N, C-alpha and C. Protein backbone atom coordinates (compact mmCIF):
# COMPACT_ATOMS: atom_id res chain seq x y z
N MET A 1 -41.59 -65.02 23.54
CA MET A 1 -40.30 -65.15 24.15
C MET A 1 -39.39 -64.02 23.65
N THR A 2 -38.71 -63.39 24.55
CA THR A 2 -37.72 -62.39 24.19
C THR A 2 -36.45 -62.69 24.97
N GLY A 3 -35.37 -62.05 24.61
CA GLY A 3 -34.10 -62.25 25.29
C GLY A 3 -33.04 -62.78 24.35
N LYS A 4 -31.90 -63.09 24.91
CA LYS A 4 -30.79 -63.58 24.10
C LYS A 4 -31.05 -65.00 23.62
N TYR A 5 -30.58 -65.28 22.42
CA TYR A 5 -30.82 -66.58 21.78
C TYR A 5 -29.56 -67.44 21.84
N ARG A 6 -29.76 -68.71 22.18
CA ARG A 6 -28.72 -69.72 22.06
C ARG A 6 -29.40 -70.97 21.52
N PRO A 7 -28.86 -71.55 20.44
CA PRO A 7 -29.46 -72.78 19.92
C PRO A 7 -29.50 -73.85 21.00
N PRO A 8 -30.65 -74.52 21.17
CA PRO A 8 -30.78 -75.50 22.25
C PRO A 8 -30.09 -76.83 21.97
N ASN A 9 -29.69 -77.07 20.72
CA ASN A 9 -29.02 -78.33 20.40
C ASN A 9 -28.16 -78.14 19.15
N GLY A 10 -27.36 -79.13 18.84
CA GLY A 10 -26.44 -79.04 17.71
C GLY A 10 -27.12 -78.91 16.37
N ALA A 11 -28.24 -79.62 16.18
CA ALA A 11 -28.94 -79.56 14.89
C ALA A 11 -29.46 -78.14 14.63
N GLU A 12 -30.09 -77.53 15.65
CA GLU A 12 -30.59 -76.16 15.47
C GLU A 12 -29.43 -75.18 15.31
N GLY A 13 -28.34 -75.43 16.03
CA GLY A 13 -27.15 -74.59 15.89
C GLY A 13 -26.58 -74.65 14.49
N ASP A 14 -26.50 -75.85 13.92
CA ASP A 14 -26.02 -76.00 12.54
C ASP A 14 -26.93 -75.27 11.56
N TYR A 15 -28.24 -75.42 11.75
CA TYR A 15 -29.20 -74.74 10.87
C TYR A 15 -29.04 -73.22 10.96
N PHE A 16 -28.94 -72.72 12.19
CA PHE A 16 -28.79 -71.29 12.40
C PHE A 16 -27.52 -70.76 11.72
N MET A 17 -26.41 -71.46 11.93
CA MET A 17 -25.14 -71.02 11.34
C MET A 17 -25.21 -71.06 9.81
N GLU A 18 -25.82 -72.09 9.24
CA GLU A 18 -25.96 -72.16 7.79
C GLU A 18 -26.81 -71.02 7.26
N ARG A 19 -27.90 -70.72 7.97
CA ARG A 19 -28.84 -69.71 7.48
C ARG A 19 -28.32 -68.29 7.65
N PHE A 20 -27.68 -68.00 8.78
CA PHE A 20 -27.34 -66.62 9.09
C PHE A 20 -25.85 -66.29 9.09
N CYS A 21 -24.99 -67.27 9.28
CA CYS A 21 -23.57 -66.95 9.50
C CYS A 21 -22.63 -67.47 8.42
N GLU A 22 -23.08 -68.40 7.61
CA GLU A 22 -22.18 -69.06 6.67
C GLU A 22 -21.53 -68.10 5.67
N GLN A 23 -22.24 -67.07 5.25
CA GLN A 23 -21.71 -66.14 4.25
C GLN A 23 -21.05 -64.91 4.87
N CYS A 24 -20.94 -64.87 6.19
CA CYS A 24 -20.38 -63.71 6.87
C CYS A 24 -18.89 -63.57 6.53
N THR A 25 -18.51 -62.42 6.04
CA THR A 25 -17.10 -62.19 5.71
C THR A 25 -16.27 -61.93 6.95
N LYS A 26 -16.92 -61.78 8.11
CA LYS A 26 -16.19 -61.61 9.36
C LYS A 26 -15.89 -62.95 10.02
N ASP A 27 -16.22 -64.06 9.34
CA ASP A 27 -15.93 -65.38 9.87
C ASP A 27 -15.43 -66.26 8.73
N ASP A 28 -14.12 -66.41 8.66
CA ASP A 28 -13.48 -67.21 7.61
C ASP A 28 -12.36 -68.01 8.27
N VAL A 29 -12.73 -69.17 8.79
CA VAL A 29 -11.80 -69.99 9.57
C VAL A 29 -10.57 -70.36 8.76
N GLU A 30 -10.76 -70.63 7.47
CA GLU A 30 -9.63 -71.02 6.63
C GLU A 30 -8.55 -69.94 6.56
N ASN A 31 -8.96 -68.67 6.70
CA ASN A 31 -8.01 -67.56 6.66
C ASN A 31 -7.78 -66.95 8.04
N ASN A 32 -8.15 -67.70 9.08
CA ASN A 32 -7.94 -67.29 10.47
C ASN A 32 -8.64 -65.97 10.81
N ILE A 33 -9.83 -65.77 10.25
CA ILE A 33 -10.65 -64.60 10.56
C ILE A 33 -11.85 -65.12 11.35
N LEU A 34 -11.98 -64.69 12.58
CA LEU A 34 -13.05 -65.18 13.44
C LEU A 34 -14.03 -64.07 13.76
N CYS A 35 -15.30 -64.32 13.50
CA CYS A 35 -16.36 -63.36 13.83
C CYS A 35 -16.43 -63.24 15.36
N PRO A 36 -16.33 -62.02 15.89
CA PRO A 36 -16.37 -61.87 17.34
C PRO A 36 -17.71 -62.27 17.94
N ILE A 37 -18.78 -62.16 17.17
CA ILE A 37 -20.10 -62.56 17.67
C ILE A 37 -20.15 -64.08 17.83
N ILE A 38 -19.75 -64.80 16.80
CA ILE A 38 -19.77 -66.27 16.87
C ILE A 38 -18.83 -66.75 17.97
N ALA A 39 -17.64 -66.19 18.04
CA ALA A 39 -16.67 -66.59 19.06
C ALA A 39 -17.23 -66.39 20.46
N ALA A 40 -17.90 -65.27 20.69
CA ALA A 40 -18.46 -64.99 22.01
C ALA A 40 -19.58 -65.95 22.38
N THR A 41 -20.34 -66.43 21.39
CA THR A 41 -21.41 -67.37 21.70
C THR A 41 -20.85 -68.71 22.16
N TYR A 42 -19.65 -69.05 21.71
CA TYR A 42 -18.99 -70.28 22.17
C TYR A 42 -18.30 -70.07 23.51
N ALA A 43 -17.81 -68.87 23.75
CA ALA A 43 -17.00 -68.61 24.94
C ALA A 43 -17.82 -68.30 26.20
N PHE A 44 -19.03 -67.76 26.02
CA PHE A 44 -19.80 -67.30 27.17
C PHE A 44 -21.17 -67.95 27.23
N ASP A 45 -21.66 -68.12 28.46
CA ASP A 45 -23.01 -68.61 28.66
C ASP A 45 -24.00 -67.53 28.29
N VAL A 46 -25.19 -67.91 27.89
CA VAL A 46 -26.20 -66.95 27.45
C VAL A 46 -26.54 -65.92 28.53
N ASP A 47 -26.37 -66.26 29.78
CA ASP A 47 -26.64 -65.33 30.88
C ASP A 47 -25.46 -64.43 31.22
N ASP A 48 -24.32 -64.68 30.62
CA ASP A 48 -23.13 -63.86 30.88
C ASP A 48 -23.28 -62.50 30.21
N PRO A 49 -22.88 -61.42 30.85
CA PRO A 49 -23.00 -60.10 30.22
C PRO A 49 -22.16 -59.95 28.95
N HIS A 50 -21.18 -60.83 28.75
CA HIS A 50 -20.36 -60.77 27.54
C HIS A 50 -20.95 -61.54 26.36
N TYR A 51 -22.03 -62.30 26.62
CA TYR A 51 -22.71 -63.00 25.52
C TYR A 51 -23.26 -61.94 24.57
N PRO A 52 -23.10 -62.10 23.27
CA PRO A 52 -23.45 -61.03 22.33
C PRO A 52 -24.94 -60.67 22.33
N ASP A 53 -25.19 -59.37 22.31
CA ASP A 53 -26.55 -58.87 22.22
C ASP A 53 -27.14 -59.05 20.83
N GLU A 54 -26.31 -59.35 19.85
CA GLU A 54 -26.79 -59.48 18.47
C GLU A 54 -27.69 -60.69 18.27
N TRP A 55 -27.54 -61.72 19.10
CA TRP A 55 -28.39 -62.91 18.99
C TRP A 55 -29.55 -62.76 19.96
N GLN A 56 -30.69 -62.31 19.47
CA GLN A 56 -31.87 -62.03 20.28
C GLN A 56 -33.11 -62.68 19.68
N TYR A 57 -34.02 -63.12 20.56
CA TYR A 57 -35.35 -63.47 20.11
C TYR A 57 -36.11 -62.17 19.85
N TYR A 58 -36.96 -62.19 18.86
CA TYR A 58 -37.83 -61.04 18.62
C TYR A 58 -39.14 -61.24 19.35
N GLU A 59 -39.94 -60.20 19.43
CA GLU A 59 -41.25 -60.27 20.07
C GLU A 59 -42.04 -61.45 19.51
N GLY A 60 -42.62 -62.23 20.37
CA GLY A 60 -43.38 -63.39 19.94
C GLY A 60 -42.54 -64.65 19.81
N GLY A 61 -41.24 -64.55 20.05
CA GLY A 61 -40.39 -65.72 20.04
C GLY A 61 -39.89 -66.15 18.68
N LEU A 62 -40.15 -65.36 17.65
CA LEU A 62 -39.72 -65.74 16.32
C LEU A 62 -38.30 -65.25 16.06
N LEU A 63 -37.45 -66.13 15.65
CA LEU A 63 -36.08 -65.77 15.31
C LEU A 63 -35.94 -65.88 13.80
N THR A 64 -36.58 -64.97 13.09
CA THR A 64 -36.60 -65.06 11.64
C THR A 64 -35.48 -64.27 10.99
N GLN A 65 -35.02 -63.22 11.63
CA GLN A 65 -33.93 -62.43 11.07
C GLN A 65 -33.17 -61.78 12.23
N PRO A 66 -32.29 -62.55 12.87
CA PRO A 66 -31.61 -62.02 14.04
C PRO A 66 -30.67 -60.88 13.70
N ASN A 67 -30.31 -60.12 14.71
CA ASN A 67 -29.40 -59.00 14.53
C ASN A 67 -28.06 -59.46 13.95
N ALA A 68 -27.66 -60.69 14.22
CA ALA A 68 -26.40 -61.20 13.67
C ALA A 68 -26.45 -61.20 12.14
N TYR A 69 -27.63 -61.47 11.57
CA TYR A 69 -27.77 -61.47 10.12
C TYR A 69 -27.53 -60.09 9.55
N ARG A 70 -28.10 -59.08 10.18
CA ARG A 70 -27.87 -57.71 9.71
C ARG A 70 -26.41 -57.34 9.87
N HIS A 71 -25.78 -57.77 10.95
CA HIS A 71 -24.36 -57.52 11.17
C HIS A 71 -23.55 -58.11 10.02
N ALA A 72 -23.88 -59.34 9.66
CA ALA A 72 -23.13 -60.02 8.59
C ALA A 72 -23.32 -59.31 7.25
N CYS A 73 -24.53 -58.89 6.98
CA CYS A 73 -24.81 -58.24 5.69
C CYS A 73 -24.08 -56.91 5.56
N GLN A 74 -23.83 -56.24 6.64
CA GLN A 74 -23.15 -54.95 6.59
C GLN A 74 -21.68 -55.09 6.23
N CYS A 75 -21.12 -56.27 6.35
CA CYS A 75 -19.68 -56.40 6.12
C CYS A 75 -19.35 -57.06 4.78
N ARG A 76 -20.34 -57.32 3.95
CA ARG A 76 -20.09 -57.97 2.67
C ARG A 76 -19.50 -57.03 1.66
């Protein structure tokens, strides 16, 4: 499976956010800092051209280290 990734349910979404987004310095709700990637995943459908390209399945369908993770690590 390849293409843009969207968690299929709340449990997987929570796991994904804990694993890849929780430590992102570009997303700090308490200080009103919102990660544009996370915000766009809530605002747009996965088929919308504005849905972020950073959330992608890799070849073979494994989402082990999405582009969002690398994005987050670059801003620490």
